[in-house]
Amino acid sequence: MNSVGEECTEMKREYDQCFNRWFADKFLKGNASGDPCGELFRKYQLCVQKAIKEKDIPIEGLEFMGSSKEKAENCS
């Protein structure tokens, strides 16, 4: 599945691959420590936020992309 912003699609694929590897190789085997995909997720999240802003997609009431404070810091 592509991302909301075409320029974000490759970042989404990289994050999905990282998460799926971590989930299968670590989490399901009882090792939930660490955050090997966190930086990839943050980069992807910023890209999606930018695409949403550029496309003027209303997101009022949605909190899945981080806290309101994070949104204000990243979108200003």
PDB file of N, CA and C in Angstrom:
ATOM      1  N   MET A   1       0.844  -1.174   0.000  1.00  0.00           N
ATOM      2  CA  MET A   1       0.000   0.000   0.000  1.00  0.00           C
ATOM      3  C   MET A   1       0.891   1.240   0.000  1.00  0.00           C
ATOM      4  N   ASN A   2       0.552   2.189  -0.826  1.00  0.00           N
ATOM      5  CA  ASN A   2       1.300   3.440  -0.890  1.00  0.00           C
ATOM      6  C   ASN A   2       0.948   4.350   0.276  1.00  0.00           C
ATOM      7  N   SER A   3       1.801   5.317   0.499  1.00  0.00           N
ATOM      8  CA  SER A   3       1.588   6.292   1.551  1.00  0.00           C
ATOM      9  C   SER A   3       0.688   7.415   1.047  1.00  0.00           C
ATOM     10  N   VAL A   4       0.225   8.241   1.968  1.00  0.00           N
ATOM     11  CA  VAL A   4      -0.614   9.392   1.623  1.00  0.00           C
ATOM     12  C   VAL A   4       0.127  10.359   0.710  1.00  0.00           C
ATOM     13  N   GLY A   5       1.417  10.440   0.856  1.00  0.00           N
ATOM     14  CA  GLY A   5       2.249  11.270  -0.011  1.00  0.00           C
ATOM     15  C   GLY A   5       3.174  10.370  -0.809  1.00  0.00           C
ATOM     16  N   GLU A   6       3.160  10.490  -2.116  1.00  0.00           N
ATOM     17  CA  GLU A   6       3.980   9.615  -2.962  1.00  0.00           C
ATOM     18  C   GLU A   6       5.451   9.660  -2.544  1.00  0.00           C
ATOM     19  N   GLU A   7       5.926  10.846  -2.140  1.00  0.00           N
ATOM     20  CA  GLU A   7       7.315  10.977  -1.716  1.00  0.00           C
ATOM     21  C   GLU A   7       7.611  10.223  -0.419  1.00  0.00           C
ATOM     22  N   CYS A   8       6.575   9.765   0.279  1.00  0.00           N
ATOM     23  CA  CYS A   8       6.735   9.044   1.543  1.00  0.00           C
ATOM     24  C   CYS A   8       6.664   7.527   1.379  1.00  0.00           C
ATOM     25  N   THR A   9       6.296   7.053   0.198  1.00  0.00           N
ATOM     26  CA  THR A   9       6.045   5.628  -0.005  1.00  0.00           C
ATOM     27  C   THR A   9       7.278   4.775   0.277  1.00  0.00           C
ATOM     28  N   GLU A  10       8.452   5.188  -0.185  1.00  0.00           N
ATOM     29  CA  GLU A  10       9.661   4.390   0.053  1.00  0.00           C
ATOM     30  C   GLU A  10       9.993   4.349   1.545  1.00  0.00           C
ATOM     31  N   MET A  11       9.806   5.463   2.244  1.00  0.00           N
ATOM     32  CA  MET A  11      10.034   5.481   3.701  1.00  0.00           C
ATOM     33  C   MET A  11       9.078   4.523   4.400  1.00  0.00           C
ATOM     34  N   LYS A  12       7.846   4.476   3.934  1.00  0.00           N
ATOM     35  CA  LYS A  12       6.848   3.566   4.512  1.00  0.00           C
ATOM     36  C   LYS A  12       7.288   2.124   4.320  1.00  0.00           C
ATOM     37  N   ARG A  13       7.757   1.792   3.135  1.00  0.00           N
ATOM     38  CA  ARG A  13       8.214   0.421   2.865  1.00  0.00           C
ATOM     39  C   ARG A  13       9.392   0.044   3.757  1.00  0.00           C
ATOM     40  N   GLU A  14      10.343   0.965   3.905  1.00  0.00           N
ATOM     41  CA  GLU A  14      11.498   0.707   4.767  1.00  0.00           C
ATOM     42  C   GLU A  14      11.061   0.482   6.212  1.00  0.00           C
ATOM     43  N   TYR A  15      10.158   1.334   6.703  1.00  0.00           N
ATOM     44  CA  TYR A  15       9.676   1.176   8.073  1.00  0.00           C
ATOM     45  C   TYR A  15       8.908  -0.140   8.229  1.00  0.00           C
ATOM     46  N   ASP A  16       8.021  -0.430   7.280  1.00  0.00           N
ATOM     47  CA  ASP A  16       7.246  -1.674   7.347  1.00  0.00           C
ATOM     48  C   ASP A  16       8.163  -2.899   7.396  1.00  0.00           C
ATOM     49  N   GLN A  17       9.197  -2.913   6.572  1.00  0.00           N
ATOM     50  CA  GLN A  17      10.134  -4.032   6.560  1.00  0.00           C
ATOM     51  C   GLN A  17      10.865  -4.155   7.893  1.00  0.00           C
ATOM     52  N   CYS A  18      11.326  -3.031   8.414  1.00  0.00           N
ATOM     53  CA  CYS A  18      12.012  -3.031   9.704  1.00  0.00           C
ATOM     54  C   CYS A  18      11.086  -3.545  10.809  1.00  0.00           C
ATOM     55  N   PHE A  19       9.868  -3.002  10.854  1.00  0.00           N
ATOM     56  CA  PHE A  19       8.922  -3.410  11.887  1.00  0.00           C
ATOM     57  C   PHE A  19       8.592  -4.894  11.778  1.00  0.00           C
ATOM     58  N   ASN A  20       8.323  -5.363  10.569  1.00  0.00           N
ATOM     59  CA  ASN A  20       7.968  -6.774  10.388  1.00  0.00           C
ATOM     60  C   ASN A  20       9.098  -7.697  10.811  1.00  0.00           C
ATOM     61  N   ARG A  21      10.357  -7.318  10.494  1.00  0.00           N
ATOM     62  CA  ARG A  21      11.512  -8.117  10.942  1.00  0.00           C
ATOM     63  C   ARG A  21      11.593  -8.131  12.461  1.00  0.00           C
ATOM     64  N   TRP A  22      11.485  -6.950  13.083  1.00  0.00           N
ATOM     65  CA  TRP A  22      11.548  -6.865  14.539  1.00  0.00           C
ATOM     66  C   TRP A  22      10.422  -7.666  15.182  1.00  0.00           C
ATOM     67  N   PHE A  23       9.228  -7.523  14.649  1.00  0.00           N
ATOM     68  CA  PHE A  23       8.066  -8.208  15.217  1.00  0.00           C
ATOM     69  C   PHE A  23       8.248  -9.723  15.155  1.00  0.00           C
ATOM     70  N   ALA A  24       8.644 -10.241  14.002  1.00  0.00           N
ATOM     71  CA  ALA A  24       8.788 -11.690  13.832  1.00  0.00           C
ATOM     72  C   ALA A  24      10.019 -12.243  14.553  1.00  0.00           C
ATOM     73  N   ASP A  25      11.138 -11.535  14.446  1.00  0.00           N
ATOM     74  CA  ASP A  25      12.393 -12.064  14.984  1.00  0.00           C
ATOM     75  C   ASP A  25      12.609 -11.794  16.461  1.00  0.00           C
ATOM     76  N   LYS A  26      12.001 -10.755  16.984  1.00  0.00           N
ATOM     77  CA  LYS A  26      12.225 -10.383  18.384  1.00  0.00           C
ATOM     78  C   LYS A  26      10.946 -10.469  19.226  1.00  0.00           C
ATOM     79  N   PHE A  27       9.967  -9.649  18.880  1.00  0.00           N
ATOM     80  CA  PHE A  27       8.768  -9.514  19.707  1.00  0.00           C
ATOM     81  C   PHE A  27       8.047 -10.844  19.913  1.00  0.00           C
ATOM     82  N   LEU A  28       7.804 -11.560  18.836  1.00  0.00           N
ATOM     83  CA  LEU A  28       7.084 -12.830  18.959  1.00  0.00           C
ATOM     84  C   LEU A  28       7.886 -13.895  19.701  1.00  0.00           C
ATOM     85  N   LYS A  29       9.169 -13.655  19.847  1.00  0.00           N
ATOM     86  CA  LYS A  29      10.027 -14.592  20.575  1.00  0.00           C
ATOM     87  C   LYS A  29      10.296 -14.116  21.997  1.00  0.00           C
ATOM     88  N   GLY A  30       9.552 -13.096  22.434  1.00  0.00           N
ATOM     89  CA  GLY A  30       9.633 -12.638  23.812  1.00  0.00           C
ATOM     90  C   GLY A  30      10.631 -11.526  24.081  1.00  0.00           C
ATOM     91  N   ASN A  31      11.258 -10.987  23.054  1.00  0.00           N
ATOM     92  CA  ASN A  31      12.225  -9.914  23.251  1.00  0.00           C
ATOM     93  C   ASN A  31      11.645  -8.618  22.679  1.00  0.00           C
ATOM     94  N   ALA A  32      10.986  -7.856  23.534  1.00  0.00           N
ATOM     95  CA  ALA A  32      10.340  -6.616  23.086  1.00  0.00           C
ATOM     96  C   ALA A  32      11.188  -5.391  23.394  1.00  0.00           C
ATOM     97  N   SER A  33      12.430  -5.605  23.782  1.00  0.00           N
ATOM     98  CA  SER A  33      13.275  -4.459  24.150  1.00  0.00           C
ATOM     99  C   SER A  33      13.824  -3.768  22.910  1.00  0.00           C
ATOM    100  N   GLY A  34      14.200  -2.524  23.111  1.00  0.00           N
ATOM    101  CA  GLY A  34      14.796  -1.753  22.026  1.00  0.00           C
ATOM    102  C   GLY A  34      13.756  -1.163  21.095  1.00  0.00           C
ATOM    103  N   ASP A  35      14.231  -0.282  20.267  1.00  0.00           N
ATOM    104  CA  ASP A  35      13.361   0.383  19.287  1.00  0.00           C
ATOM    105  C   ASP A  35      14.153   0.533  17.988  1.00  0.00           C
ATOM    106  N   PRO A  36      14.388  -0.573  17.281  1.00  0.00           N
ATOM    107  CA  PRO A  36      15.249  -0.519  16.110  1.00  0.00           C
ATOM    108  C   PRO A  36      14.666   0.265  14.937  1.00  0.00           C
ATOM    109  N   CYS A  37      13.377   0.502  14.946  1.00  0.00           N
ATOM    110  CA  CYS A  37      12.733   1.169  13.810  1.00  0.00           C
ATOM    111  C   CYS A  37      12.246   2.568  14.140  1.00  0.00           C
ATOM    112  N   GLY A  38      12.527   3.037  15.323  1.00  0.00           N
ATOM    113  CA  GLY A  38      12.017   4.325  15.779  1.00  0.00           C
ATOM    114  C   GLY A  38      12.404   5.490  14.899  1.00  0.00           C
ATOM    115  N   GLU A  39      13.660   5.546  14.488  1.00  0.00           N
ATOM    116  CA  GLU A  39      14.112   6.665  13.652  1.00  0.00           C
ATOM    117  C   GLU A  39      13.444   6.617  12.277  1.00  0.00           C
ATOM    118  N   LEU A  40      13.311   5.424  11.712  1.00  0.00           N
ATOM    119  CA  LEU A  40      12.611   5.289  10.426  1.00  0.00           C
ATOM    120  C   LEU A  40      11.161   5.757  10.559  1.00  0.00           C
ATOM    121  N   PHE A  41      10.524   5.382  11.671  1.00  0.00           N
ATOM    122  CA  PHE A  41       9.141   5.795  11.883  1.00  0.00           C
ATOM    123  C   PHE A  41       9.025   7.306  12.003  1.00  0.00           C
ATOM    124  N   ARG A  42       9.927   7.932  12.752  1.00  0.00           N
ATOM    125  CA  ARG A  42       9.869   9.387  12.923  1.00  0.00           C
ATOM    126  C   ARG A  42      10.044  10.113  11.585  1.00  0.00           C
ATOM    127  N   LYS A  43      10.964   9.645  10.748  1.00  0.00           N
ATOM    128  CA  LYS A  43      11.162  10.261   9.430  1.00  0.00           C
ATOM    129  C   LYS A  43       9.908  10.094   8.574  1.00  0.00           C
ATOM    130  N   TYR A  44       9.345   8.902   8.593  1.00  0.00           N
ATOM    131  CA  TYR A  44       8.125   8.641   7.822  1.00  0.00           C
ATOM    132  C   TYR A  44       6.973   9.505   8.343  1.00  0.00           C
ATOM    133  N   GLN A  45       6.846   9.590   9.652  1.00  0.00           N
ATOM    134  CA  GLN A  45       5.786  10.383  10.270  1.00  0.00           C
ATOM    135  C   GLN A  45       5.873  11.848   9.846  1.00  0.00           C
ATOM    136  N   LEU A  46       7.075  12.409   9.855  1.00  0.00           N
ATOM    137  CA  LEU A  46       7.260  13.801   9.434  1.00  0.00           C
ATOM    138  C   LEU A  46       6.890  13.988   7.963  1.00  0.00           C
ATOM    139  N   CYS A  47       7.257  13.032   7.140  1.00  0.00           N
ATOM    140  CA  CYS A  47       6.926  13.100   5.723  1.00  0.00           C
ATOM    141  C   CYS A  47       5.407  13.083   5.527  1.00  0.00           C
ATOM    142  N   VAL A  48       4.723  12.202   6.239  1.00  0.00           N
ATOM    143  CA  VAL A  48       3.264  12.108   6.136  1.00  0.00           C
ATOM    144  C   VAL A  48       2.610  13.392   6.634  1.00  0.00           C
ATOM    145  N   GLN A  49       3.102  13.923   7.737  1.00  0.00           N
ATOM    146  CA  GLN A  49       2.540  15.172   8.251  1.00  0.00           C
ATOM    147  C   GLN A  49       2.685  16.296   7.236  1.00  0.00           C
ATOM    148  N   LYS A  50       3.844  16.365   6.586  1.00  0.00           N
ATOM    149  CA  LYS A  50       4.071  17.386   5.570  1.00  0.00           C
ATOM    150  C   LYS A  50       3.118  17.182   4.384  1.00  0.00           C
ATOM    151  N   ALA A  51       2.961  15.949   3.930  1.00  0.00           N
ATOM    152  CA  ALA A  51       2.074  15.655   2.799  1.00  0.00           C
ATOM    153  C   ALA A  51       0.629  16.007   3.126  1.00  0.00           C
ATOM    154  N   ILE A  52       0.200  15.705   4.342  1.00  0.00           N
ATOM    155  CA  ILE A  52      -1.162  16.018   4.767  1.00  0.00           C
ATOM    156  C   ILE A  52      -1.372  17.524   4.771  1.00  0.00           C
ATOM    157  N   LYS A  53      -0.378  18.243   5.272  1.00  0.00           N
ATOM    158  CA  LYS A  53      -0.472  19.699   5.313  1.00  0.00           C
ATOM    159  C   LYS A  53      -0.513  20.280   3.895  1.00  0.00           C
ATOM    160  N   GLU A  54       0.367  19.788   3.020  1.00  0.00           N
ATOM    161  CA  GLU A  54       0.415  20.284   1.647  1.00  0.00           C
ATOM    162  C   GLU A  54      -0.863  19.983   0.868  1.00  0.00           C
ATOM    163  N   LYS A  55      -1.473  18.834   1.152  1.00  0.00           N
ATOM    164  CA  LYS A  55      -2.706  18.452   0.453  1.00  0.00           C
ATOM    165  C   LYS A  55      -3.952  19.008   1.136  1.00  0.00           C
ATOM    166  N   ASP A  56      -3.731  19.712   2.251  1.00  0.00           N
ATOM    167  CA  ASP A  56      -4.814  20.327   3.012  1.00  0.00           C
ATOM    168  C   ASP A  56      -5.875  19.306   3.415  1.00  0.00           C
ATOM    169  N   ILE A  57      -5.416  18.165   3.907  1.00  0.00           N
ATOM    170  CA  ILE A  57      -6.311  17.104   4.383  1.00  0.00           C
ATOM    171  C   ILE A  57      -6.668  17.402   5.826  1.00  0.00           C
ATOM    172  N   PRO A  58      -7.956  17.523   6.146  1.00  0.00           N
ATOM    173  CA  PRO A  58      -8.347  17.820   7.539  1.00  0.00           C
ATOM    174  C   PRO A  58      -8.056  16.631   8.453  1.00  0.00           C
ATOM    175  N   ILE A  59      -7.380  16.897   9.550  1.00  0.00           N
ATOM    176  CA  ILE A  59      -7.049  15.822  10.492  1.00  0.00           C
ATOM    177  C   ILE A  59      -7.497  16.145  11.911  1.00  0.00           C
ATOM    178  N   GLU A  60      -8.391  17.095  12.073  1.00  0.00           N
ATOM    179  CA  GLU A  60      -8.855  17.472  13.402  1.00  0.00           C
ATOM    180  C   GLU A  60      -9.377  16.241  14.139  1.00  0.00           C
ATOM    181  N   GLY A  61      -8.976  16.119  15.383  1.00  0.00           N
ATOM    182  CA  GLY A  61      -9.457  15.040  16.233  1.00  0.00           C
ATOM    183  C   GLY A  61      -8.655  13.756  16.117  1.00  0.00           C
ATOM    184  N   LEU A  62      -7.708  13.681  15.202  1.00  0.00           N
ATOM    185  CA  LEU A  62      -6.908  12.475  15.063  1.00  0.00           C
ATOM    186  C   LEU A  62      -5.643  12.605  15.895  1.00  0.00           C
ATOM    187  N   GLU A  63      -5.386  11.637  16.750  1.00  0.00           N
ATOM    188  CA  GLU A  63      -4.209  11.685  17.610  1.00  0.00           C
ATOM    189  C   GLU A  63      -3.219  10.577  17.279  1.00  0.00           C
ATOM    190  N   PHE A  64      -3.432   9.836  16.202  1.00  0.00           N
ATOM    191  CA  PHE A  64      -2.562   8.717  15.884  1.00  0.00           C
ATOM    192  C   PHE A  64      -1.179   9.152  15.413  1.00  0.00           C
ATOM    193  N   MET A  65      -0.992  10.424  15.122  1.00  0.00           N
ATOM    194  CA  MET A  65       0.290  10.889  14.613  1.00  0.00           C
ATOM    195  C   MET A  65       1.114  11.592  15.684  1.00  0.00           C
ATOM    196  N   GLY A  66       0.825  11.370  16.931  1.00  0.00           N
ATOM    197  CA  GLY A  66       1.605  11.978  18.003  1.00  0.00           C
ATOM    198  C   GLY A  66       0.783  12.990  18.770  1.00  0.00           C
ATOM    199  N   SER A  67       1.367  13.483  19.823  1.00  0.00           N
ATOM    200  CA  SER A  67       0.668  14.435  20.671  1.00  0.00           C
ATOM    201  C   SER A  67       0.506  15.777  19.965  1.00  0.00           C
ATOM    202  N   SER A  68      -0.374  16.592  20.467  1.00  0.00           N
ATOM    203  CA  SER A  68      -0.587  17.925  19.898  1.00  0.00           C
ATOM    204  C   SER A  68       0.674  18.755  19.985  1.00  0.00           C
ATOM    205  N   LYS A  69       1.441  18.596  21.058  1.00  0.00           N
ATOM    206  CA  LYS A  69       2.690  19.327  21.209  1.00  0.00           C
ATOM    207  C   LYS A  69       3.673  18.941  20.108  1.00  0.00           C
ATOM    208  N   GLU A  70       3.813  17.630  19.838  1.00  0.00           N
ATOM    209  CA  GLU A  70       4.699  17.172  18.781  1.00  0.00           C
ATOM    210  C   GLU A  70       4.262  17.726  17.424  1.00  0.00           C
ATOM    211  N   LYS A  71       2.974  17.741  17.162  1.00  0.00           N
ATOM    212  CA  LYS A  71       2.456  18.249  15.900  1.00  0.00           C
ATOM    213  C   LYS A  71       2.828  19.715  15.728  1.00  0.00           C
ATOM    214  N   ALA A  72       2.643  20.486  16.783  1.00  0.00           N
ATOM    215  CA  ALA A  72       2.933  21.916  16.706  1.00  0.00           C
ATOM    216  C   ALA A  72       4.419  22.143  16.446  1.00  0.00           C
ATOM    217  N   GLU A  73       5.274  21.359  17.084  1.00  0.00           N
ATOM    218  CA  GLU A  73       6.717  21.506  16.899  1.00  0.00           C
ATOM    219  C   GLU A  73       7.140  21.109  15.493  1.00  0.00           C
ATOM    220  N   ASN A  74       6.555  20.047  14.949  1.00  0.00           N
ATOM    221  CA  ASN A  74       6.974  19.509  13.672  1.00  0.00           C
ATOM    222  C   ASN A  74       6.370  20.233  12.482  1.00  0.00           C
ATOM    223  N   CYS A  75       5.249  20.892  12.654  1.00  0.00           N
ATOM    224  CA  CYS A  75       4.566  21.507  11.526  1.00  0.00           C
ATOM    225  C   CYS A  75       4.797  23.009  11.445  1.00  0.00           C
ATOM    226  N   SER A  76       5.491  23.578  12.396  1.00  0.00           N
ATOM    227  CA  SER A  76       5.687  25.029  12.348  1.00  0.00           C
ATOM    228  C   SER A  76       6.896  25.403  11.554  1.00  0.00           C
TER     229      SER A  76
END
